[in-house]
Each structure stands twice: as structure tokens, then as C-alpha cells.
PDB file of N, CA and C in Angstrom:
ATOM      1  N   UNK A   1       6.252  -3.477 -79.757  1.00  0.00           N
ATOM      2  CA  UNK A   1       5.526  -4.238 -78.751  1.00  0.00           C
ATOM      3  C   UNK A   1       5.570  -3.313 -77.374  1.00  0.00           C
ATOM      4  N   UNK A   2       7.011  -2.621 -77.218  1.00  0.00           N
ATOM      5  CA  UNK A   2       7.301  -1.862 -76.138  1.00  0.00           C
ATOM      6  C   UNK A   2       5.964  -0.370 -76.338  1.00  0.00           C
ATOM      7  N   UNK A   3       5.969  -0.056 -77.568  1.00  0.00           N
ATOM      8  CA  UNK A   3       5.672   1.270 -77.713  1.00  0.00           C
ATOM      9  C   UNK A   3       4.091   0.900 -77.497  1.00  0.00           C
ATOM     10  N   UNK A   4       3.482  -0.312 -77.684  1.00  0.00           N
ATOM     11  CA  UNK A   4       2.016  -0.519 -77.490  1.00  0.00           C
ATOM     12  C   UNK A   4       1.582  -0.530 -75.882  1.00  0.00           C
ATOM     13  N   UNK A   5       2.636  -1.187 -75.360  1.00  0.00           N
ATOM     14  CA  UNK A   5       2.676  -1.156 -73.653  1.00  0.00           C
ATOM     15  C   UNK A   5       2.757  -0.002 -73.004  1.00  0.00           C
ATOM     16  N   UNK A   6       3.534   0.881 -73.464  1.00  0.00           N
ATOM     17  CA  UNK A   6       3.821   2.281 -73.031  1.00  0.00           C
ATOM     18  C   UNK A   6       2.460   3.142 -73.328  1.00  0.00           C
ATOM     19  N   UNK A   7       1.914   2.932 -74.555  1.00  0.00           N
ATOM     20  CA  UNK A   7       0.756   3.668 -74.830  1.00  0.00           C
ATOM     21  C   UNK A   7      -0.459   3.111 -74.159  1.00  0.00           C
ATOM     22  N   UNK A   8      -0.592   1.745 -73.935  1.00  0.00           N
ATOM     23  CA  UNK A   8      -1.546   1.221 -73.107  1.00  0.00           C
ATOM     24  C   UNK A   8      -1.652   1.778 -71.507  1.00  0.00           C
ATOM     25  N   UNK A   9      -0.414   1.963 -70.981  1.00  0.00           N
ATOM     26  CA  UNK A   9      -0.236   2.477 -69.661  1.00  0.00           C
ATOM     27  C   UNK A   9      -0.733   3.918 -69.691  1.00  0.00           C
ATOM     28  N   UNK A  10      -0.337   4.798 -70.571  1.00  0.00           N
ATOM     29  CA  UNK A  10      -0.519   6.079 -70.768  1.00  0.00           C
ATOM     30  C   UNK A  10      -2.086   6.288 -70.752  1.00  0.00           C
ATOM     31  N   UNK A  11      -2.933   5.468 -71.623  1.00  0.00           N
ATOM     32  CA  UNK A  11      -4.331   5.520 -71.799  1.00  0.00           C
ATOM     33  C   UNK A  11      -5.011   5.109 -70.290  1.00  0.00           C
ATOM     34  N   UNK A  12      -4.487   3.989 -69.784  1.00  0.00           N
ATOM     35  CA  UNK A  12      -5.081   3.836 -68.565  1.00  0.00           C
ATOM     36  C   UNK A  12      -4.848   4.984 -67.555  1.00  0.00           C
ATOM     37  N   UNK A  13      -3.858   5.401 -67.337  1.00  0.00           N
ATOM     38  CA  UNK A  13      -3.445   6.460 -66.428  1.00  0.00           C
ATOM     39  C   UNK A  13      -4.552   7.749 -66.793  1.00  0.00           C
ATOM     40  N   UNK A  14      -4.631   8.059 -68.092  1.00  0.00           N
ATOM     41  CA  UNK A  14      -5.387   9.035 -68.515  1.00  0.00           C
ATOM     42  C   UNK A  14      -6.833   8.982 -68.163  1.00  0.00           C
ATOM     43  N   UNK A  15      -7.335   7.525 -68.458  1.00  0.00           N
ATOM     44  CA  UNK A  15      -8.955   7.318 -68.056  1.00  0.00           C
ATOM     45  C   UNK A  15      -8.966   7.171 -66.580  1.00  0.00           C
ATOM     46  N   UNK A  16      -8.181   6.920 -65.778  1.00  0.00           N
ATOM     47  CA  UNK A  16      -8.352   6.833 -64.523  1.00  0.00           C
ATOM     48  C   UNK A  16      -8.227   8.352 -63.764  1.00  0.00           C
ATOM     49  N   UNK A  17      -7.433   9.218 -64.525  1.00  0.00           N
ATOM     50  CA  UNK A  17      -7.454  10.360 -63.929  1.00  0.00           C
ATOM     51  C   UNK A  17      -8.658  11.414 -64.172  1.00  0.00           C
ATOM     52  N   UNK A  18      -9.504  10.929 -65.133  1.00  0.00           N
ATOM     53  CA  UNK A  18     -10.593  11.713 -65.812  1.00  0.00           C
ATOM     54  C   UNK A  18     -12.058  10.935 -65.010  1.00  0.00           C
ATOM     55  N   UNK A  19     -11.910   9.691 -64.765  1.00  0.00           N
ATOM     56  CA  UNK A  19     -13.045   9.211 -64.228  1.00  0.00           C
ATOM     57  C   UNK A  19     -13.158   8.951 -62.568  1.00  0.00           C
ATOM     58  N   UNK A  20     -11.916   9.168 -62.022  1.00  0.00           N
ATOM     59  CA  UNK A  20     -12.048   9.107 -60.485  1.00  0.00           C
ATOM     60  C   UNK A  20     -12.028  10.735 -59.979  1.00  0.00           C
ATOM     61  N   UNK A  21     -13.119  10.873 -59.309  1.00  0.00           N
ATOM     62  CA  UNK A  21     -13.059  12.326 -58.454  1.00  0.00           C
ATOM     63  C   UNK A  21     -11.954  12.201 -57.449  1.00  0.00           C
ATOM     64  N   UNK A  22     -11.521  13.428 -57.029  1.00  0.00           N
ATOM     65  CA  UNK A  22     -10.559  13.556 -56.076  1.00  0.00           C
ATOM     66  C   UNK A  22     -11.020  12.995 -54.600  1.00  0.00           C
ATOM     67  N   UNK A  23     -12.310  13.203 -54.532  1.00  0.00           N
ATOM     68  CA  UNK A  23     -12.877  12.708 -53.293  1.00  0.00           C
ATOM     69  C   UNK A  23     -13.203  11.202 -53.052  1.00  0.00           C
ATOM     70  N   UNK A  24     -13.482  10.610 -54.393  1.00  0.00           N
ATOM     71  CA  UNK A  24     -13.508   9.196 -54.282  1.00  0.00           C
ATOM     72  C   UNK A  24     -11.882   8.474 -54.333  1.00  0.00           C
ATOM     73  N   UNK A  25     -11.140   9.311 -54.883  1.00  0.00           N
ATOM     74  CA  UNK A  25      -9.578   8.755 -54.515  1.00  0.00           C
ATOM     75  C   UNK A  25      -9.326   8.901 -53.124  1.00  0.00           C
ATOM     76  N   UNK A  26      -9.229  10.027 -52.587  1.00  0.00           N
ATOM     77  CA  UNK A  26      -8.923  10.303 -51.206  1.00  0.00           C
ATOM     78  C   UNK A  26      -9.708   9.068 -50.439  1.00  0.00           C
ATOM     79  N   UNK A  27     -11.022   8.901 -50.483  1.00  0.00           N
ATOM     80  CA  UNK A  27     -11.838   8.004 -49.675  1.00  0.00           C
ATOM     81  C   UNK A  27     -11.196   6.619 -50.058  1.00  0.00           C
ATOM     82  N   UNK A  28     -10.839   6.386 -51.071  1.00  0.00           N
ATOM     83  CA  UNK A  28     -10.375   4.822 -51.398  1.00  0.00           C
ATOM     84  C   UNK A  28      -8.827   4.871 -50.552  1.00  0.00           C
ATOM     85  N   UNK A  29      -8.192   5.834 -50.684  1.00  0.00           N
ATOM     86  CA  UNK A  29      -6.810   5.824 -50.016  1.00  0.00           C
ATOM     87  C   UNK A  29      -6.938   5.492 -48.293  1.00  0.00           C
ATOM     88  N   UNK A  30      -7.967   6.283 -47.953  1.00  0.00           N
ATOM     89  CA  UNK A  30      -8.188   6.029 -46.361  1.00  0.00           C
ATOM     90  C   UNK A  30      -8.654   4.764 -45.962  1.00  0.00           C
ATOM     91  N   UNK A  31      -9.460   4.183 -47.200  1.00  0.00           N
ATOM     92  CA  UNK A  31      -9.842   2.852 -46.896  1.00  0.00           C
ATOM     93  C   UNK A  31      -8.758   1.909 -46.839  1.00  0.00           C
ATOM     94  N   UNK A  32      -7.839   2.168 -47.769  1.00  0.00           N
ATOM     95  CA  UNK A  32      -6.942   0.928 -48.110  1.00  0.00           C
ATOM     96  C   UNK A  32      -5.785   1.286 -46.756  1.00  0.00           C
ATOM     97  N   UNK A  33      -5.618   2.476 -46.268  1.00  0.00           N
ATOM     98  CA  UNK A  33      -4.692   2.804 -45.006  1.00  0.00           C
ATOM     99  C   UNK A  33      -3.703   3.633 -45.613  1.00  0.00           C
ATOM    100  N   UNK A  34      -2.947   4.056 -44.369  1.00  0.00           N
ATOM    101  CA  UNK A  34      -2.030   5.354 -44.780  1.00  0.00           C
ATOM    102  C   UNK A  34      -0.824   4.859 -45.480  1.00  0.00           C
ATOM    103  N   UNK A  35      -0.368   3.705 -45.278  1.00  0.00           N
ATOM    104  CA  UNK A  35       0.734   3.145 -45.984  1.00  0.00           C
ATOM    105  C   UNK A  35       0.443   2.875 -47.599  1.00  0.00           C
ATOM    106  N   UNK A  36      -0.824   2.737 -47.848  1.00  0.00           N
ATOM    107  CA  UNK A  36      -0.943   2.484 -49.221  1.00  0.00           C
ATOM    108  C   UNK A  36      -1.108   3.849 -49.782  1.00  0.00           C
ATOM    109  N   UNK A  37      -1.685   4.909 -49.012  1.00  0.00           N
ATOM    110  CA  UNK A  37      -1.791   6.366 -49.559  1.00  0.00           C
ATOM    111  C   UNK A  37      -0.321   6.828 -49.663  1.00  0.00           C
ATOM    112  N   UNK A  38       0.734   6.449 -48.865  1.00  0.00           N
ATOM    113  CA  UNK A  38       2.300   6.901 -48.782  1.00  0.00           C
ATOM    114  C   UNK A  38       2.681   6.152 -50.206  1.00  0.00           C
ATOM    115  N   UNK A  39       2.662   4.941 -50.175  1.00  0.00           N
ATOM    116  CA  UNK A  39       3.092   4.537 -51.534  1.00  0.00           C
ATOM    117  C   UNK A  39       2.453   5.011 -52.814  1.00  0.00           C
ATOM    118  N   UNK A  40       1.063   5.202 -52.766  1.00  0.00           N
ATOM    119  CA  UNK A  40       0.526   5.746 -53.727  1.00  0.00           C
ATOM    120  C   UNK A  40       0.975   7.308 -54.465  1.00  0.00           C
ATOM    121  N   UNK A  41       1.236   8.022 -53.375  1.00  0.00           N
ATOM    122  CA  UNK A  41       1.989   9.381 -53.468  1.00  0.00           C
ATOM    123  C   UNK A  41       3.233   9.073 -54.137  1.00  0.00           C
ATOM    124  N   UNK A  42       4.144   8.290 -53.549  1.00  0.00           N
ATOM    125  CA  UNK A  42       5.644   8.195 -54.235  1.00  0.00           C
ATOM    126  C   UNK A  42       5.342   7.693 -55.647  1.00  0.00           C
ATOM    127  N   UNK A  43       4.510   6.670 -55.750  1.00  0.00           N
ATOM    128  CA  UNK A  43       4.131   6.100 -57.356  1.00  0.00           C
ATOM    129  C   UNK A  43       3.935   7.328 -58.094  1.00  0.00           C
ATOM    130  N   UNK A  44       2.926   8.167 -57.876  1.00  0.00           N
ATOM    131  CA  UNK A  44       2.235   9.328 -58.549  1.00  0.00           C
ATOM    132  C   UNK A  44       3.366  10.223 -58.896  1.00  0.00           C
ATOM    133  N   UNK A  45       4.331  10.623 -58.009  1.00  0.00           N
ATOM    134  CA  UNK A  45       5.335  11.518 -58.021  1.00  0.00           C
ATOM    135  C   UNK A  45       6.220  11.143 -59.060  1.00  0.00           C
ATOM    136  N   UNK A  46       6.468   9.897 -58.903  1.00  0.00           N
ATOM    137  CA  UNK A  46       7.572   9.203 -59.888  1.00  0.00           C
ATOM    138  C   UNK A  46       7.048   9.406 -61.245  1.00  0.00           C
ATOM    139  N   UNK A  47       5.846   8.992 -61.464  1.00  0.00           N
ATOM    140  CA  UNK A  47       5.413   9.178 -62.650  1.00  0.00           C
ATOM    141  C   UNK A  47       5.367  10.320 -63.334  1.00  0.00           C
ATOM    142  N   UNK A  48       5.008  11.484 -62.723  1.00  0.00           N
ATOM    143  CA  UNK A  48       5.084  12.789 -62.961  1.00  0.00           C
ATOM    144  C   UNK A  48       6.261  13.215 -63.307  1.00  0.00           C
ATOM    145  N   UNK A  49       7.128  12.919 -62.448  1.00  0.00           N
ATOM    146  CA  UNK A  49       8.604  12.963 -62.703  1.00  0.00           C
ATOM    147  C   UNK A  49       9.276  12.397 -64.164  1.00  0.00           C
ATOM    148  N   UNK A  50       8.982  11.336 -64.116  1.00  0.00           N
ATOM    149  CA  UNK A  50       9.290  10.282 -65.197  1.00  0.00           C
ATOM    150  C   UNK A  50       8.734  10.974 -66.490  1.00  0.00           C
ATOM    151  N   UNK A  51       7.436  11.311 -66.532  1.00  0.00           N
ATOM    152  CA  UNK A  51       6.920  12.053 -67.836  1.00  0.00           C
ATOM    153  C   UNK A  51       7.316  13.304 -68.080  1.00  0.00           C
ATOM    154  N   UNK A  52       7.723  14.186 -67.139  1.00  0.00           N
ATOM    155  CA  UNK A  52       8.353  15.451 -67.466  1.00  0.00           C
ATOM    156  C   UNK A  52       9.695  15.254 -68.006  1.00  0.00           C
ATOM    157  N   UNK A  53      10.669  14.341 -67.332  1.00  0.00           N
ATOM    158  CA  UNK A  53      11.796  14.040 -68.069  1.00  0.00           C
ATOM    159  C   UNK A  53      11.749  13.444 -69.342  1.00  0.00           C
ATOM    160  N   UNK A  54      10.610  12.776 -69.623  1.00  0.00           N
ATOM    161  CA  UNK A  54      10.563  12.268 -71.007  1.00  0.00           C
ATOM    162  C   UNK A  54      10.018  13.263 -71.981  1.00  0.00           C
ATOM    163  N   UNK A  55       9.173  14.052 -71.410  1.00  0.00           N
ATOM    164  CA  UNK A  55       8.621  15.343 -72.164  1.00  0.00           C
ATOM    165  C   UNK A  55       9.601  16.345 -72.881  1.00  0.00           C
ATOM    166  N   UNK A  56      10.618  16.456 -71.687  1.00  0.00           N
ATOM    167  CA  UNK A  56      11.740  17.516 -72.168  1.00  0.00           C
ATOM    168  C   UNK A  56      12.928  16.832 -72.524  1.00  0.00           C
ATOM    169  N   UNK A  57      12.944  15.809 -72.931  1.00  0.00           N
ATOM    170  CA  UNK A  57      13.934  14.897 -73.328  1.00  0.00           C
ATOM    171  C   UNK A  57      15.092  14.646 -72.228  1.00  0.00           C
ATOM    172  N   UNK A  58      14.873  14.217 -71.246  1.00  0.00           N
ATOM    173  CA  UNK A  58      15.614  13.800 -70.196  1.00  0.00           C
ATOM    174  C   UNK A  58      16.858  12.800 -70.411  1.00  0.00           C
ATOM    175  N   UNK A  59      17.904  13.125 -70.318  1.00  0.00           N
ATOM    176  CA  UNK A  59      19.096  12.131 -70.422  1.00  0.00           C
ATOM    177  C   UNK A  59      20.076  12.565 -71.568  1.00  0.00           C
ATOM    178  N   UNK A  60      19.420  13.545 -72.433  1.00  0.00           N
ATOM    179  CA  UNK A  60      20.216  13.925 -73.674  1.00  0.00           C
ATOM    180  C   UNK A  60      21.537  14.874 -73.193  1.00  0.00           C
ATOM    181  N   UNK A  61      22.528  14.622 -73.631  1.00  0.00           N
ATOM    182  CA  UNK A  61      23.474  15.347 -73.065  1.00  0.00           C
ATOM    183  C   UNK A  61      24.754  15.370 -73.556  1.00  0.00           C
TER     184      UNK A  61
END
């Protein structure tokens, strides 16, 4: 069940990345406010770091 949840979240992120253009994303961030944008940036950076760590086997050691 956990693998399904992980796969589903990756699928959602993948679909959002290709369906939202950068201009739409920036426009939505400014509509939501600066703090929403700041939080979104931290979340995206966290997801990227998490993905890179998983890709390169982070934590093995």
C-alpha cells in the first residue's frame, strides 16, 4: 500500500510539472500571496532533495 501511495504522489507531481506552464505557476503564486510562494519554494526544494537522496541511495552507509 505504501508503494502505491508513493507512486501516486510521483504521478501527480509528474502530471503537474507538465501541465502547468511556468507563467501560470508564477501567476498563481502571486495570487496566493508571498508567503504561499515562500512555502511552496521550500516544499519544492525539499521534494527535489528527497528525490535526489532516494535516487543516489541516501542513508546507506
